[in-house]
Amino acid sequence: MKTLKKTLAMAITGAMATGIAFGAFGQDKAATEVSTARAHAMMAQSANTVAMAHTHLHHVINCLVGPGGQGYDASAGTPCKGQGNGAIPDSAGDAAMHGKLQGALAAAQAGLQATSLATVQSDAGKAASALQSGPAQASSAGKTW
């Protein structure tokens, strides 16, 4: 009986550790996707044409929502391919991070609808700012993105 309790305790502990590890792994994937999305938001912010800015904002959206997400457009390009399932889905367990990503998504979507280069660049800047790493944006896994 003592051996059974010990084995059961070890199994429960292992299962919990695995769950925590997978949660941290998801946060790491989200951090990589956020970094890529931010790079493309900055490219959109400095683009010389509306078309080029829109292309990079599509990349931001694709990195944030992932292949199964609303607004994903594979024909626009997939710079986050292989990095995860999209920063928003991959950060589902971190409410603060999730909220910031939703804000970045809204800014990118607004820029995508704009026709003035100045407006598109401004919205891209808002998305880039929302995606900027810093201590206030630490993930629940104790990492910044």
C-alpha atoms as a PDB file:
ATOM      1  CA  MET A   1       0.000   0.000   0.000  1.00  0.00           C
ATOM      2  CA  LYS A   2       2.855   2.363   0.856  1.00  0.00           C
ATOM      3  CA  THR A   3       4.479   1.729  -2.543  1.00  0.00           C
ATOM      4  CA  LEU A   4       1.164   2.375  -4.314  1.00  0.00           C
ATOM      5  CA  LYS A   5       0.753   5.745  -2.537  1.00  0.00           C
ATOM      6  CA  LYS A   6       4.330   6.690  -3.376  1.00  0.00           C
ATOM      7  CA  THR A   7       3.857   5.731  -7.039  1.00  0.00           C
ATOM      8  CA  LEU A   8       0.578   7.644  -7.195  1.00  0.00           C
ATOM      9  CA  ALA A   9       2.192  10.730  -5.643  1.00  0.00           C
ATOM     10  CA  MET A  10       5.037  10.573  -8.144  1.00  0.00           C
ATOM     11  CA  ALA A  11       2.601  10.208 -11.045  1.00  0.00           C
ATOM     12  CA  ILE A  12       0.573  13.225  -9.912  1.00  0.00           C
ATOM     13  CA  THR A  13       3.710  15.307  -9.426  1.00  0.00           C
ATOM     14  CA  GLY A  14       4.961  14.319 -12.868  1.00  0.00           C
ATOM     15  CA  ALA A  15       1.663  15.173 -14.485  1.00  0.00           C
ATOM     16  CA  MET A  16       1.639  18.580 -12.821  1.00  0.00           C
ATOM     17  CA  ALA A  17       5.225  19.280 -13.864  1.00  0.00           C
ATOM     18  CA  THR A  18       4.429  18.297 -17.430  1.00  0.00           C
ATOM     19  CA  GLY A  19       1.461  20.674 -17.476  1.00  0.00           C
ATOM     20  CA  ILE A  20       3.625  23.514 -16.203  1.00  0.00           C
ATOM     21  CA  ALA A  21       6.331  22.720 -18.747  1.00  0.00           C
ATOM     22  CA  PHE A  22       3.834  22.727 -21.611  1.00  0.00           C
ATOM     23  CA  GLY A  23       2.454  26.049 -20.368  1.00  0.00           C
ATOM     24  CA  ALA A  24       5.939  27.545 -20.356  1.00  0.00           C
ATOM     25  CA  PHE A  25       6.617  26.053 -23.790  1.00  0.00           C
ATOM     26  CA  GLY A  26       3.482  27.745 -25.132  1.00  0.00           C
ATOM     27  CA  GLN A  27       4.653  31.051 -23.665  1.00  0.00           C
ATOM     28  CA  ASP A  28       8.059  30.614 -25.330  1.00  0.00           C
ATOM     29  CA  LYS A  29       6.343  30.017 -28.672  1.00  0.00           C
ATOM     30  CA  ALA A  30       4.189  33.112 -28.143  1.00  0.00           C
ATOM     31  CA  ALA A  31       7.297  35.176 -27.339  1.00  0.00           C
ATOM     32  CA  THR A  32       8.902  34.148 -30.634  1.00  0.00           C
ATOM     33  CA  GLU A  33       5.728  34.947 -32.555  1.00  0.00           C
ATOM     34  CA  VAL A  34       5.405  38.308 -30.797  1.00  0.00           C
ATOM     35  CA  SER A  35       8.976  39.183 -31.698  1.00  0.00           C
ATOM     36  CA  THR A  36       8.348  38.361 -35.360  1.00  0.00           C
ATOM     37  CA  ALA A  37       5.040  40.246 -35.352  1.00  0.00           C
ATOM     38  CA  ARG A  38       6.716  43.305 -33.821  1.00  0.00           C
ATOM     39  CA  ALA A  39       9.446  43.255 -36.473  1.00  0.00           C
ATOM     40  CA  HIS A  40       6.789  43.295 -39.186  1.00  0.00           C
ATOM     41  CA  ALA A  41       4.811  46.045 -37.447  1.00  0.00           C
ATOM     42  CA  MET A  42       7.989  48.140 -37.476  1.00  0.00           C
ATOM     43  CA  MET A  43       8.514  47.329 -41.166  1.00  0.00           C
ATOM     44  CA  ALA A  44       4.943  48.463 -41.848  1.00  0.00           C
ATOM     45  CA  GLN A  45       5.573  51.637 -39.863  1.00  0.00           C
ATOM     46  CA  SER A  46       8.547  52.538 -42.062  1.00  0.00           C
ATOM     47  CA  ALA A  47       7.104  51.313 -45.387  1.00  0.00           C
ATOM     48  CA  ASN A  48       7.158  53.725 -48.324  1.00  0.00           C
ATOM     49  CA  THR A  49       3.842  52.605 -49.824  1.00  0.00           C
ATOM     50  CA  VAL A  50       0.439  51.641 -48.523  1.00  0.00           C
ATOM     51  CA  ALA A  51       0.699  48.302 -50.312  1.00  0.00           C
ATOM     52  CA  MET A  52       3.982  47.398 -48.605  1.00  0.00           C
ATOM     53  CA  ALA A  53       2.683  48.554 -45.214  1.00  0.00           C
ATOM     54  CA  HIS A  54      -0.453  46.458 -45.712  1.00  0.00           C
ATOM     55  CA  THR A  55       1.669  43.412 -46.582  1.00  0.00           C
ATOM     56  CA  HIS A  56       3.589  43.713 -43.318  1.00  0.00           C
ATOM     57  CA  LEU A  57       0.395  44.307 -41.317  1.00  0.00           C
ATOM     58  CA  HIS A  58      -0.991  41.074 -42.796  1.00  0.00           C
ATOM     59  CA  HIS A  59       2.156  39.390 -41.470  1.00  0.00           C
ATOM     60  CA  VAL A  60       1.494  40.879 -38.020  1.00  0.00           C
ATOM     61  CA  ILE A  61      -2.077  39.590 -38.062  1.00  0.00           C
ATOM     62  CA  ASN A  62      -0.998  36.144 -39.280  1.00  0.00           C
ATOM     63  CA  CYS A  63       1.597  35.871 -36.483  1.00  0.00           C
ATOM     64  CA  LEU A  64      -0.920  36.959 -33.862  1.00  0.00           C
ATOM     65  CA  VAL A  65      -3.948  34.863 -34.836  1.00  0.00           C
ATOM     66  CA  GLY A  66      -2.166  31.824 -36.280  1.00  0.00           C
ATOM     67  CA  PRO A  67      -3.280  29.545 -39.116  1.00  0.00           C
ATOM     68  CA  GLY A  68      -6.646  28.751 -37.539  1.00  0.00           C
ATOM     69  CA  GLY A  69      -7.439  32.308 -36.486  1.00  0.00           C
ATOM     70  CA  GLN A  70      -9.911  34.820 -37.791  1.00  0.00           C
ATOM     71  CA  GLY A  71      -8.261  37.115 -40.320  1.00  0.00           C
ATOM     72  CA  TYR A  72      -5.420  34.723 -41.150  1.00  0.00           C
ATOM     73  CA  ASP A  73      -4.459  35.017 -44.817  1.00  0.00           C
ATOM     74  CA  ALA A  74      -1.816  32.551 -45.981  1.00  0.00           C
ATOM     75  CA  SER A  75      -1.577  34.281 -49.351  1.00  0.00           C
ATOM     76  CA  ALA A  76      -0.197  37.365 -47.578  1.00  0.00           C
ATOM     77  CA  GLY A  77       2.768  35.385 -46.262  1.00  0.00           C
ATOM     78  CA  THR A  78       3.470  33.428 -43.105  1.00  0.00           C
ATOM     79  CA  PRO A  79       6.612  34.733 -41.377  1.00  0.00           C
ATOM     80  CA  CYS A  80       5.693  32.862 -38.183  1.00  0.00           C
ATOM     81  CA  LYS A  81       5.276  29.500 -39.904  1.00  0.00           C
ATOM     82  CA  GLY A  82       6.603  26.775 -37.631  1.00  0.00           C
ATOM     83  CA  GLN A  83       6.857  29.081 -34.605  1.00  0.00           C
ATOM     84  CA  GLY A  84       3.561  28.063 -33.005  1.00  0.00           C
ATOM     85  CA  ASN A  85      -0.198  28.327 -33.385  1.00  0.00           C
ATOM     86  CA  GLY A  86      -0.304  32.125 -33.274  1.00  0.00           C
ATOM     87  CA  ALA A  87       0.735  34.365 -30.400  1.00  0.00           C
ATOM     88  CA  ILE A  88      -2.844  34.894 -29.228  1.00  0.00           C
ATOM     89  CA  PRO A  89      -3.781  31.205 -29.029  1.00  0.00           C
ATOM     90  CA  ASP A  90      -0.357  30.356 -27.588  1.00  0.00           C
ATOM     91  CA  SER A  91      -0.785  32.937 -24.810  1.00  0.00           C
ATOM     92  CA  ALA A  92      -4.295  31.906 -23.796  1.00  0.00           C
ATOM     93  CA  GLY A  93      -3.173  31.195 -20.208  1.00  0.00           C
ATOM     94  CA  ASP A  94      -1.723  34.691 -19.688  1.00  0.00           C
ATOM     95  CA  ALA A  95      -4.520  37.263 -19.465  1.00  0.00           C
ATOM     96  CA  ALA A  96      -2.236  40.324 -19.404  1.00  0.00           C
ATOM     97  CA  MET A  97      -0.249  39.199 -22.423  1.00  0.00           C
ATOM     98  CA  HIS A  98      -3.403  38.113 -24.221  1.00  0.00           C
ATOM     99  CA  GLY A  99      -4.936  41.557 -23.704  1.00  0.00           C
ATOM    100  CA  LYS A 100      -1.875  43.349 -25.116  1.00  0.00           C
ATOM    101  CA  LEU A 101      -1.881  41.051 -28.130  1.00  0.00           C
ATOM    102  CA  GLN A 102      -5.554  41.777 -28.753  1.00  0.00           C
ATOM    103  CA  GLY A 103      -4.708  45.499 -28.706  1.00  0.00           C
ATOM    104  CA  ALA A 104      -1.895  44.975 -31.205  1.00  0.00           C
ATOM    105  CA  LEU A 105      -4.254  42.948 -33.403  1.00  0.00           C
ATOM    106  CA  ALA A 106      -6.866  45.737 -33.350  1.00  0.00           C
ATOM    107  CA  ALA A 107      -4.234  48.305 -34.371  1.00  0.00           C
ATOM    108  CA  ALA A 108      -2.962  46.073 -37.193  1.00  0.00           C
ATOM    109  CA  GLN A 109      -6.501  45.461 -38.438  1.00  0.00           C
ATOM    110  CA  ALA A 110      -7.250  49.203 -38.369  1.00  0.00           C
ATOM    111  CA  GLY A 111      -4.091  49.890 -40.374  1.00  0.00           C
ATOM    112  CA  LEU A 112      -5.066  47.257 -42.868  1.00  0.00           C
ATOM    113  CA  GLN A 113      -8.340  49.110 -43.491  1.00  0.00           C
ATOM    114  CA  ALA A 114      -6.692  52.527 -43.829  1.00  0.00           C
ATOM    115  CA  THR A 115      -5.853  53.983 -47.232  1.00  0.00           C
ATOM    116  CA  SER A 116      -3.611  56.851 -46.170  1.00  0.00           C
ATOM    117  CA  LEU A 117       0.065  55.933 -45.733  1.00  0.00           C
ATOM    118  CA  ALA A 118       0.337  58.182 -42.676  1.00  0.00           C
ATOM    119  CA  THR A 119      -2.644  56.460 -41.027  1.00  0.00           C
ATOM    120  CA  VAL A 120      -1.364  52.980 -41.874  1.00  0.00           C
ATOM    121  CA  GLN A 121       2.065  53.872 -40.470  1.00  0.00           C
ATOM    122  CA  SER A 122       0.495  55.320 -37.323  1.00  0.00           C
ATOM    123  CA  ASP A 123      -1.561  52.167 -36.731  1.00  0.00           C
ATOM    124  CA  ALA A 124       1.526  50.032 -37.393  1.00  0.00           C
ATOM    125  CA  GLY A 125       3.368  52.064 -34.763  1.00  0.00           C
ATOM    126  CA  LYS A 126       0.573  51.405 -32.268  1.00  0.00           C
ATOM    127  CA  ALA A 127       0.823  47.676 -33.002  1.00  0.00           C
ATOM    128  CA  ALA A 128       4.617  47.748 -32.617  1.00  0.00           C
ATOM    129  CA  SER A 129       4.317  49.591 -29.290  1.00  0.00           C
ATOM    130  CA  ALA A 130       1.811  47.060 -27.991  1.00  0.00           C
ATOM    131  CA  LEU A 131       4.206  44.268 -28.966  1.00  0.00           C
ATOM    132  CA  GLN A 132       7.290  45.870 -27.429  1.00  0.00           C
ATOM    133  CA  SER A 133       8.978  43.802 -24.755  1.00  0.00           C
ATOM    134  CA  GLY A 134       9.458  45.167 -21.305  1.00  0.00           C
ATOM    135  CA  PRO A 135       9.157  44.319 -17.621  1.00  0.00           C
ATOM    136  CA  ALA A 136       5.501  45.314 -17.550  1.00  0.00           C
ATOM    137  CA  GLN A 137       4.767  42.746 -20.237  1.00  0.00           C
ATOM    138  CA  ALA A 138       6.319  39.717 -18.584  1.00  0.00           C
ATOM    139  CA  SER A 139       4.590  36.472 -19.293  1.00  0.00           C
ATOM    140  CA  SER A 140       3.314  34.263 -16.525  1.00  0.00           C
ATOM    141  CA  ALA A 141       6.280  32.003 -17.142  1.00  0.00           C
ATOM    142  CA  GLY A 142       8.519  34.803 -15.856  1.00  0.00           C
ATOM    143  CA  LYS A 143       9.873  35.785 -19.253  1.00  0.00           C
ATOM    144  CA  THR A 144       9.559  38.983 -21.196  1.00  0.00           C
ATOM    145  CA  TRP A 145       8.715  39.031 -24.858  1.00  0.00           C
END
